[in-house]
Amino acid sequence: MVNVSEVVENFREFIKSKGLKYTPEREEILREILECKEHFDVDELYIKLKKRGSKVSKASIYRTIPLLIEAGYVQEVYKQNNRAYYEVVLNKMPHIHFICLNCKNVEEIEDERLVTLIKEYADQKGFTLLSYHLEVFGVCNNCRNEE
């Protein structure tokens, strides 16, 4: 479980360490993102914030997301129709995204064996593993059955 207060404080310190101003808008964006259970894009996030009565602009979201990525809280998952989709990575096991090229559905697979295998290969190559992102593209069962 993510300790939101701790993440907010750590992000505040991260922003200040970069010589940037920590704003209520950045905190509001962070808090909304931490509630996301699924992949999201900027438009979806903007709509959620507006429904809550927020005054946050899309520009603020676009400026904040790279900072959240750099801080290690969010990662870009995939791009679809010129839109980037993101996910929260705090307390989340590394996983694979299976992306259907027809319907664009994304299924996540978490398997400790894959994590172990990747770590073993990194060790064998003397590679310092910082992060990784695995995507598998194909056609899902539903789309294949419709053909």
N, C-alpha and C. Protein backbone atom coordinates (compact mmCIF):
# COMPACT_ATOMS: atom_id res chain seq x y z
N MET A 1 0.84 -1.18 0.00
CA MET A 1 0.00 0.00 0.00
C MET A 1 0.88 1.24 0.00
N VAL A 2 0.54 2.21 -0.81
CA VAL A 2 1.32 3.44 -0.93
C VAL A 2 0.94 4.40 0.19
N ASN A 3 1.94 4.92 0.87
CA ASN A 3 1.73 5.94 1.90
C ASN A 3 1.73 7.29 1.17
N VAL A 4 0.54 7.82 0.90
CA VAL A 4 0.38 9.03 0.09
C VAL A 4 1.11 10.22 0.71
N SER A 5 0.98 10.39 2.01
CA SER A 5 1.64 11.52 2.69
C SER A 5 3.15 11.47 2.50
N GLU A 6 3.71 10.27 2.60
CA GLU A 6 5.15 10.09 2.43
C GLU A 6 5.57 10.38 0.99
N VAL A 7 4.79 9.90 0.04
CA VAL A 7 5.09 10.15 -1.37
C VAL A 7 5.02 11.64 -1.66
N VAL A 8 4.00 12.31 -1.15
CA VAL A 8 3.84 13.75 -1.36
C VAL A 8 5.05 14.49 -0.79
N GLU A 9 5.46 14.14 0.42
CA GLU A 9 6.62 14.81 1.04
C GLU A 9 7.89 14.54 0.24
N ASN A 10 8.09 13.30 -0.20
CA ASN A 10 9.27 12.97 -1.00
C ASN A 10 9.27 13.72 -2.32
N PHE A 11 8.10 13.85 -2.93
CA PHE A 11 8.00 14.59 -4.20
C PHE A 11 8.29 16.07 -3.96
N ARG A 12 7.79 16.60 -2.86
CA ARG A 12 8.07 18.00 -2.51
C ARG A 12 9.59 18.22 -2.42
N GLU A 13 10.28 17.32 -1.74
CA GLU A 13 11.74 17.44 -1.61
C GLU A 13 12.43 17.26 -2.96
N PHE A 14 11.93 16.35 -3.77
CA PHE A 14 12.50 16.14 -5.11
C PHE A 14 12.38 17.40 -5.95
N ILE A 15 11.20 18.02 -5.94
CA ILE A 15 10.97 19.25 -6.71
C ILE A 15 11.91 20.36 -6.24
N LYS A 16 12.02 20.52 -4.94
CA LYS A 16 12.89 21.56 -4.39
C LYS A 16 14.35 21.30 -4.74
N SER A 17 14.76 20.01 -4.74
CA SER A 17 16.15 19.67 -5.06
C SER A 17 16.50 20.01 -6.51
N LYS A 18 15.49 20.12 -7.34
CA LYS A 18 15.68 20.48 -8.75
C LYS A 18 15.61 21.99 -8.95
N GLY A 19 15.41 22.73 -7.86
CA GLY A 19 15.33 24.18 -7.94
C GLY A 19 14.01 24.67 -8.50
N LEU A 20 12.99 23.83 -8.42
CA LEU A 20 11.67 24.19 -8.93
C LEU A 20 10.74 24.53 -7.78
N LYS A 21 9.65 25.16 -8.11
CA LYS A 21 8.66 25.54 -7.11
C LYS A 21 7.65 24.40 -6.94
N TYR A 22 7.40 24.04 -5.68
CA TYR A 22 6.37 23.05 -5.38
C TYR A 22 5.04 23.78 -5.27
N THR A 23 4.10 23.43 -6.15
CA THR A 23 2.83 24.14 -6.21
C THR A 23 1.68 23.25 -5.77
N PRO A 24 0.58 23.86 -5.34
CA PRO A 24 -0.61 23.06 -5.01
C PRO A 24 -1.11 22.27 -6.22
N GLU A 25 -0.93 22.80 -7.42
CA GLU A 25 -1.36 22.09 -8.63
C GLU A 25 -0.56 20.80 -8.81
N ARG A 26 0.75 20.87 -8.60
CA ARG A 26 1.58 19.66 -8.73
C ARG A 26 1.15 18.61 -7.71
N GLU A 27 0.85 19.05 -6.51
CA GLU A 27 0.41 18.10 -5.49
C GLU A 27 -0.94 17.50 -5.85
N GLU A 28 -1.83 18.31 -6.36
CA GLU A 28 -3.16 17.82 -6.76
C GLU A 28 -3.03 16.78 -7.88
N ILE A 29 -2.15 17.04 -8.83
CA ILE A 29 -1.92 16.10 -9.93
C ILE A 29 -1.35 14.80 -9.37
N LEU A 30 -0.35 14.90 -8.51
CA LEU A 30 0.25 13.71 -7.90
C LEU A 30 -0.79 12.89 -7.14
N ARG A 31 -1.59 13.55 -6.32
CA ARG A 31 -2.59 12.82 -5.54
C ARG A 31 -3.61 12.12 -6.43
N GLU A 32 -4.02 12.77 -7.51
CA GLU A 32 -4.98 12.14 -8.44
C GLU A 32 -4.35 10.94 -9.12
N ILE A 33 -3.10 11.08 -9.53
CA ILE A 33 -2.40 9.98 -10.19
C ILE A 33 -2.24 8.79 -9.25
N LEU A 34 -1.94 9.07 -7.99
CA LEU A 34 -1.76 7.97 -7.03
C LEU A 34 -3.05 7.18 -6.83
N GLU A 35 -4.19 7.77 -7.14
CA GLU A 35 -5.47 7.06 -7.04
C GLU A 35 -5.77 6.22 -8.28
N CYS A 36 -5.03 6.42 -9.36
CA CYS A 36 -5.28 5.69 -10.61
C CYS A 36 -4.89 4.22 -10.44
N LYS A 37 -5.82 3.36 -10.73
CA LYS A 37 -5.57 1.92 -10.64
C LYS A 37 -5.27 1.33 -12.01
N GLU A 38 -5.56 2.07 -13.05
CA GLU A 38 -5.37 1.61 -14.43
C GLU A 38 -4.40 2.55 -15.14
N HIS A 39 -4.08 2.20 -16.38
CA HIS A 39 -3.30 3.10 -17.21
C HIS A 39 -4.13 4.35 -17.47
N PHE A 40 -3.46 5.47 -17.65
CA PHE A 40 -4.17 6.72 -17.88
C PHE A 40 -3.39 7.57 -18.87
N ASP A 41 -4.09 8.50 -19.49
CA ASP A 41 -3.44 9.50 -20.33
C ASP A 41 -3.76 10.88 -19.78
N VAL A 42 -3.14 11.90 -20.35
CA VAL A 42 -3.33 13.26 -19.84
C VAL A 42 -4.78 13.69 -19.92
N ASP A 43 -5.46 13.37 -21.03
CA ASP A 43 -6.86 13.78 -21.16
C ASP A 43 -7.74 13.17 -20.09
N GLU A 44 -7.56 11.87 -19.82
CA GLU A 44 -8.35 11.21 -18.78
C GLU A 44 -8.08 11.82 -17.41
N LEU A 45 -6.81 12.09 -17.14
CA LEU A 45 -6.45 12.69 -15.87
C LEU A 45 -7.05 14.09 -15.74
N TYR A 46 -7.00 14.85 -16.80
CA TYR A 46 -7.56 16.20 -16.82
C TYR A 46 -9.07 16.17 -16.54
N ILE A 47 -9.76 15.24 -17.17
CA ILE A 47 -11.21 15.12 -16.97
C ILE A 47 -11.53 14.74 -15.53
N LYS A 48 -10.77 13.80 -14.96
CA LYS A 48 -10.99 13.42 -13.55
C LYS A 48 -10.79 14.62 -12.63
N LEU A 49 -9.75 15.39 -12.87
CA LEU A 49 -9.49 16.56 -12.03
C LEU A 49 -10.60 17.59 -12.18
N LYS A 50 -11.07 17.81 -13.39
CA LYS A 50 -12.15 18.79 -13.63
C LYS A 50 -13.44 18.36 -12.93
N LYS A 51 -13.73 17.06 -12.95
CA LYS A 51 -14.93 16.56 -12.28
C LYS A 51 -14.88 16.80 -10.78
N ARG A 52 -13.68 16.90 -10.24
CA ARG A 52 -13.51 17.19 -8.82
C ARG A 52 -13.51 18.70 -8.55
N GLY A 53 -13.65 19.48 -9.61
CA GLY A 53 -13.68 20.93 -9.43
C GLY A 53 -12.32 21.59 -9.47
N SER A 54 -11.32 20.86 -9.94
CA SER A 54 -9.96 21.38 -9.98
C SER A 54 -9.80 22.46 -11.05
N LYS A 55 -8.87 23.35 -10.81
CA LYS A 55 -8.53 24.41 -11.76
C LYS A 55 -7.22 24.09 -12.50
N VAL A 56 -6.70 22.88 -12.31
CA VAL A 56 -5.44 22.48 -12.93
C VAL A 56 -5.58 22.48 -14.46
N SER A 57 -4.58 23.02 -15.14
CA SER A 57 -4.60 23.06 -16.60
C SER A 57 -3.91 21.83 -17.18
N LYS A 58 -4.20 21.55 -18.44
CA LYS A 58 -3.52 20.44 -19.12
C LYS A 58 -2.03 20.71 -19.19
N ALA A 59 -1.67 21.97 -19.38
CA ALA A 59 -0.24 22.32 -19.45
C ALA A 59 0.47 21.95 -18.16
N SER A 60 -0.18 22.17 -17.02
CA SER A 60 0.42 21.79 -15.73
C SER A 60 0.61 20.28 -15.64
N ILE A 61 -0.36 19.54 -16.17
CA ILE A 61 -0.24 18.07 -16.16
C ILE A 61 0.93 17.65 -17.05
N TYR A 62 1.01 18.23 -18.25
CA TYR A 62 2.11 17.89 -19.16
C TYR A 62 3.47 18.24 -18.57
N ARG A 63 3.55 19.30 -17.79
CA ARG A 63 4.82 19.69 -17.16
C ARG A 63 5.14 18.82 -15.94
N THR A 64 4.13 18.31 -15.27
CA THR A 64 4.34 17.55 -14.05
C THR A 64 4.68 16.09 -14.31
N ILE A 65 4.08 15.49 -15.32
CA ILE A 65 4.30 14.06 -15.57
C ILE A 65 5.78 13.72 -15.77
N PRO A 66 6.56 14.48 -16.57
CA PRO A 66 7.99 14.13 -16.67
C PRO A 66 8.71 14.18 -15.32
N LEU A 67 8.30 15.06 -14.44
CA LEU A 67 8.90 15.12 -13.10
C LEU A 67 8.54 13.88 -12.29
N LEU A 68 7.30 13.42 -12.43
CA LEU A 68 6.88 12.20 -11.73
C LEU A 68 7.59 10.97 -12.28
N ILE A 69 7.86 10.98 -13.57
CA ILE A 69 8.63 9.89 -14.18
C ILE A 69 10.06 9.91 -13.63
N GLU A 70 10.67 11.09 -13.65
CA GLU A 70 12.04 11.22 -13.16
C GLU A 70 12.15 10.84 -11.69
N ALA A 71 11.12 11.16 -10.91
CA ALA A 71 11.12 10.82 -9.48
C ALA A 71 10.89 9.32 -9.24
N GLY A 72 10.45 8.60 -10.28
CA GLY A 72 10.26 7.15 -10.16
C GLY A 72 8.87 6.74 -9.71
N TYR A 73 7.89 7.63 -9.81
CA TYR A 73 6.54 7.33 -9.38
C TYR A 73 5.65 6.84 -10.51
N VAL A 74 5.97 7.25 -11.72
CA VAL A 74 5.13 6.98 -12.89
C VAL A 74 6.05 6.54 -14.02
N GLN A 75 5.53 5.72 -14.92
CA GLN A 75 6.26 5.41 -16.14
C GLN A 75 5.32 5.46 -17.33
N GLU A 76 5.88 5.79 -18.48
CA GLU A 76 5.09 5.72 -19.71
C GLU A 76 4.99 4.25 -20.08
N VAL A 77 3.77 3.82 -20.36
CA VAL A 77 3.54 2.42 -20.64
C VAL A 77 3.56 2.15 -22.14
N TYR A 78 2.80 2.92 -22.89
CA TYR A 78 2.72 2.73 -24.33
C TYR A 78 2.12 3.98 -24.96
N LYS A 79 2.23 4.04 -26.29
CA LYS A 79 1.62 5.12 -27.05
C LYS A 79 0.60 4.52 -28.00
N GLN A 80 -0.52 5.22 -28.14
CA GLN A 80 -1.60 4.73 -28.98
C GLN A 80 -2.31 5.95 -29.54
N ASN A 81 -2.47 6.00 -30.85
CA ASN A 81 -3.16 7.13 -31.51
C ASN A 81 -2.58 8.47 -31.07
N ASN A 82 -1.25 8.56 -31.07
CA ASN A 82 -0.53 9.78 -30.69
C ASN A 82 -0.78 10.23 -29.25
N ARG A 83 -1.18 9.31 -28.39
CA ARG A 83 -1.39 9.61 -26.98
C ARG A 83 -0.50 8.68 -26.15
N ALA A 84 0.15 9.25 -25.16
CA ALA A 84 0.97 8.45 -24.25
C ALA A 84 0.11 8.02 -23.07
N TYR A 85 0.27 6.78 -22.67
CA TYR A 85 -0.43 6.23 -21.51
C TYR A 85 0.60 5.91 -20.43
N TYR A 86 0.21 6.16 -19.20
CA TYR A 86 1.10 6.04 -18.06
C TYR A 86 0.50 5.12 -17.01
N GLU A 87 1.36 4.74 -16.05
CA GLU A 87 0.88 3.99 -14.89
C GLU A 87 1.75 4.34 -13.69
N VAL A 88 1.15 4.19 -12.52
CA VAL A 88 1.88 4.36 -11.27
C VAL A 88 2.71 3.10 -11.06
N VAL A 89 3.98 3.28 -10.68
CA VAL A 89 4.85 2.12 -10.52
C VAL A 89 5.28 1.90 -9.07
N LEU A 90 4.79 2.71 -8.16
CA LEU A 90 5.12 2.52 -6.75
C LEU A 90 4.53 1.22 -6.24
N ASN A 91 5.34 0.44 -5.55
CA ASN A 91 4.91 -0.84 -4.96
C ASN A 91 4.33 -1.79 -6.00
N LYS A 92 4.80 -1.71 -7.22
CA LYS A 92 4.27 -2.57 -8.27
C LYS A 92 5.40 -3.43 -8.81
N MET A 93 5.14 -4.72 -8.89
CA MET A 93 6.12 -5.63 -9.44
C MET A 93 6.33 -5.32 -10.92
N PRO A 94 7.58 -5.38 -11.41
CA PRO A 94 7.78 -5.23 -12.85
C PRO A 94 6.93 -6.25 -13.59
N HIS A 95 6.41 -5.86 -14.74
CA HIS A 95 5.48 -6.72 -15.45
C HIS A 95 5.58 -6.50 -16.96
N ILE A 96 4.89 -7.33 -17.69
CA ILE A 96 4.86 -7.27 -19.15
C ILE A 96 3.50 -6.76 -19.59
N HIS A 97 3.50 -5.95 -20.63
CA HIS A 97 2.24 -5.50 -21.23
C HIS A 97 2.05 -6.24 -22.55
N PHE A 98 0.93 -6.95 -22.66
CA PHE A 98 0.52 -7.56 -23.92
C PHE A 98 -0.47 -6.60 -24.56
N ILE A 99 -0.11 -6.05 -25.72
CA ILE A 99 -0.90 -5.00 -26.37
C ILE A 99 -1.47 -5.54 -27.68
N CYS A 100 -2.81 -5.51 -27.78
CA CYS A 100 -3.47 -5.97 -29.00
C CYS A 100 -3.38 -4.86 -30.05
N LEU A 101 -2.87 -5.19 -31.22
CA LEU A 101 -2.72 -4.20 -32.29
C LEU A 101 -4.06 -3.83 -32.93
N ASN A 102 -5.10 -4.66 -32.72
CA ASN A 102 -6.42 -4.35 -33.29
C ASN A 102 -7.23 -3.46 -32.35
N CYS A 103 -7.54 -3.97 -31.18
CA CYS A 103 -8.43 -3.23 -30.27
C CYS A 103 -7.68 -2.36 -29.27
N LYS A 104 -6.35 -2.51 -29.23
CA LYS A 104 -5.47 -1.72 -28.35
C LYS A 104 -5.63 -2.06 -26.87
N ASN A 105 -6.31 -3.16 -26.57
CA ASN A 105 -6.44 -3.59 -25.19
C ASN A 105 -5.05 -3.95 -24.65
N VAL A 106 -4.83 -3.66 -23.37
CA VAL A 106 -3.55 -3.96 -22.74
C VAL A 106 -3.80 -4.88 -21.55
N GLU A 107 -3.14 -6.01 -21.57
CA GLU A 107 -3.20 -6.95 -20.45
C GLU A 107 -1.84 -6.96 -19.77
N GLU A 108 -1.83 -6.94 -18.46
CA GLU A 108 -0.59 -6.99 -17.70
C GLU A 108 -0.36 -8.40 -17.18
N ILE A 109 0.89 -8.82 -17.26
CA ILE A 109 1.28 -10.13 -16.74
C ILE A 109 2.39 -9.91 -15.72
N GLU A 110 2.16 -10.35 -14.50
CA GLU A 110 3.19 -10.31 -13.47
C GLU A 110 3.62 -11.74 -13.19
N ASP A 111 4.91 -11.98 -13.28
CA ASP A 111 5.41 -13.32 -13.05
C ASP A 111 6.82 -13.20 -12.47
N GLU A 112 6.98 -13.65 -11.26
CA GLU A 112 8.27 -13.55 -10.58
C GLU A 112 9.37 -14.28 -11.36
N ARG A 113 9.02 -15.31 -12.12
CA ARG A 113 10.02 -16.03 -12.90
C ARG A 113 10.66 -15.12 -13.94
N LEU A 114 9.86 -14.24 -14.54
CA LEU A 114 10.41 -13.30 -15.53
C LEU A 114 11.34 -12.29 -14.88
N VAL A 115 10.96 -11.81 -13.71
CA VAL A 115 11.79 -10.87 -12.97
C VAL A 115 13.14 -11.53 -12.65
N THR A 116 13.08 -12.76 -12.18
CA THR A 116 14.30 -13.51 -11.84
C THR A 116 15.17 -13.70 -13.07
N LEU A 117 14.55 -14.08 -14.19
CA LEU A 117 15.29 -14.31 -15.42
C LEU A 117 15.99 -13.03 -15.90
N ILE A 118 15.30 -11.93 -15.87
CA ILE A 118 15.89 -10.66 -16.30
C ILE A 118 17.06 -10.29 -15.40
N LYS A 119 16.89 -10.46 -14.10
CA LYS A 119 17.98 -10.16 -13.16
C LYS A 119 19.18 -11.07 -13.40
N GLU A 120 18.92 -12.36 -13.68
CA GLU A 120 20.01 -13.30 -13.93
C GLU A 120 20.79 -12.89 -15.18
N TYR A 121 20.09 -12.54 -16.26
CA TYR A 121 20.77 -12.12 -17.49
C TYR A 121 21.55 -10.83 -17.27
N ALA A 122 20.99 -9.91 -16.51
CA ALA A 122 21.71 -8.66 -16.21
C ALA A 122 23.00 -8.97 -15.45
N ASP A 123 22.90 -9.85 -14.46
CA ASP A 123 24.09 -10.24 -13.69
C ASP A 123 25.13 -10.91 -14.58
N GLN A 124 24.71 -11.82 -15.45
CA GLN A 124 25.63 -12.52 -16.34
C GLN A 124 26.38 -11.55 -17.25
N LYS A 125 25.71 -10.51 -17.67
CA LYS A 125 26.31 -9.52 -18.58
C LYS A 125 27.05 -8.41 -17.83
N GLY A 126 26.99 -8.45 -16.49
CA GLY A 126 27.60 -7.39 -15.71
C GLY A 126 26.87 -6.07 -15.87
N PHE A 127 25.59 -6.16 -16.09
CA PHE A 127 24.76 -5.00 -16.39
C PHE A 127 24.04 -4.56 -15.12
N THR A 128 24.16 -3.29 -14.79
CA THR A 128 23.45 -2.76 -13.64
C THR A 128 22.02 -2.44 -14.06
N LEU A 129 21.09 -3.18 -13.55
CA LEU A 129 19.68 -3.05 -13.91
C LEU A 129 19.05 -1.92 -13.11
N LEU A 130 18.58 -0.89 -13.80
CA LEU A 130 17.91 0.22 -13.14
C LEU A 130 16.40 0.10 -13.26
N SER A 131 15.94 -0.21 -14.45
CA SER A 131 14.51 -0.42 -14.67
C SER A 131 14.36 -1.12 -16.01
N TYR A 132 13.18 -1.61 -16.26
CA TYR A 132 12.91 -2.19 -17.57
C TYR A 132 11.43 -2.11 -17.86
N HIS A 133 11.14 -2.23 -19.13
CA HIS A 133 9.76 -2.09 -19.60
C HIS A 133 9.60 -3.08 -20.75
N LEU A 134 8.69 -4.01 -20.60
CA LEU A 134 8.50 -5.04 -21.62
C LEU A 134 7.12 -4.93 -22.24
N GLU A 135 7.09 -4.89 -23.58
CA GLU A 135 5.83 -4.83 -24.32
C GLU A 135 5.82 -5.96 -25.34
N VAL A 136 4.71 -6.63 -25.43
CA VAL A 136 4.52 -7.68 -26.41
C VAL A 136 3.32 -7.28 -27.27
N PHE A 137 3.51 -7.23 -28.58
CA PHE A 137 2.45 -6.82 -29.49
C PHE A 137 1.92 -8.02 -30.25
N GLY A 138 0.61 -8.04 -30.44
CA GLY A 138 -0.01 -9.14 -31.17
C GLY A 138 -1.49 -8.88 -31.31
N VAL A 139 -2.23 -9.97 -31.45
CA VAL A 139 -3.69 -9.88 -31.59
C VAL A 139 -4.31 -10.70 -30.46
N CYS A 140 -5.20 -10.06 -29.72
CA CYS A 140 -5.81 -10.74 -28.57
C CYS A 140 -6.80 -11.83 -29.06
N ASN A 141 -7.18 -12.67 -28.14
CA ASN A 141 -8.09 -13.79 -28.44
C ASN A 141 -9.44 -13.28 -28.98
N ASN A 142 -9.98 -12.21 -28.38
CA ASN A 142 -11.27 -11.67 -28.85
C ASN A 142 -11.19 -11.22 -30.29
N CYS A 143 -10.16 -10.48 -30.64
CA CYS A 143 -10.02 -9.99 -32.02
C CYS A 143 -9.76 -11.14 -33.00
N ARG A 144 -8.96 -12.10 -32.57
CA ARG A 144 -8.68 -13.25 -33.43
C ARG A 144 -9.95 -14.04 -33.71
N ASN A 145 -10.83 -14.18 -32.70
CA ASN A 145 -12.09 -14.91 -32.88
C ASN A 145 -13.06 -14.17 -33.77
N GLU A 146 -12.94 -12.82 -33.82
CA GLU A 146 -13.85 -12.02 -34.66
C GLU A 146 -13.48 -12.09 -36.13
N GLU A 147 -12.24 -12.46 -36.42
CA GLU A 147 -11.79 -12.48 -37.83
C GLU A 147 -12.33 -13.62 -38.62
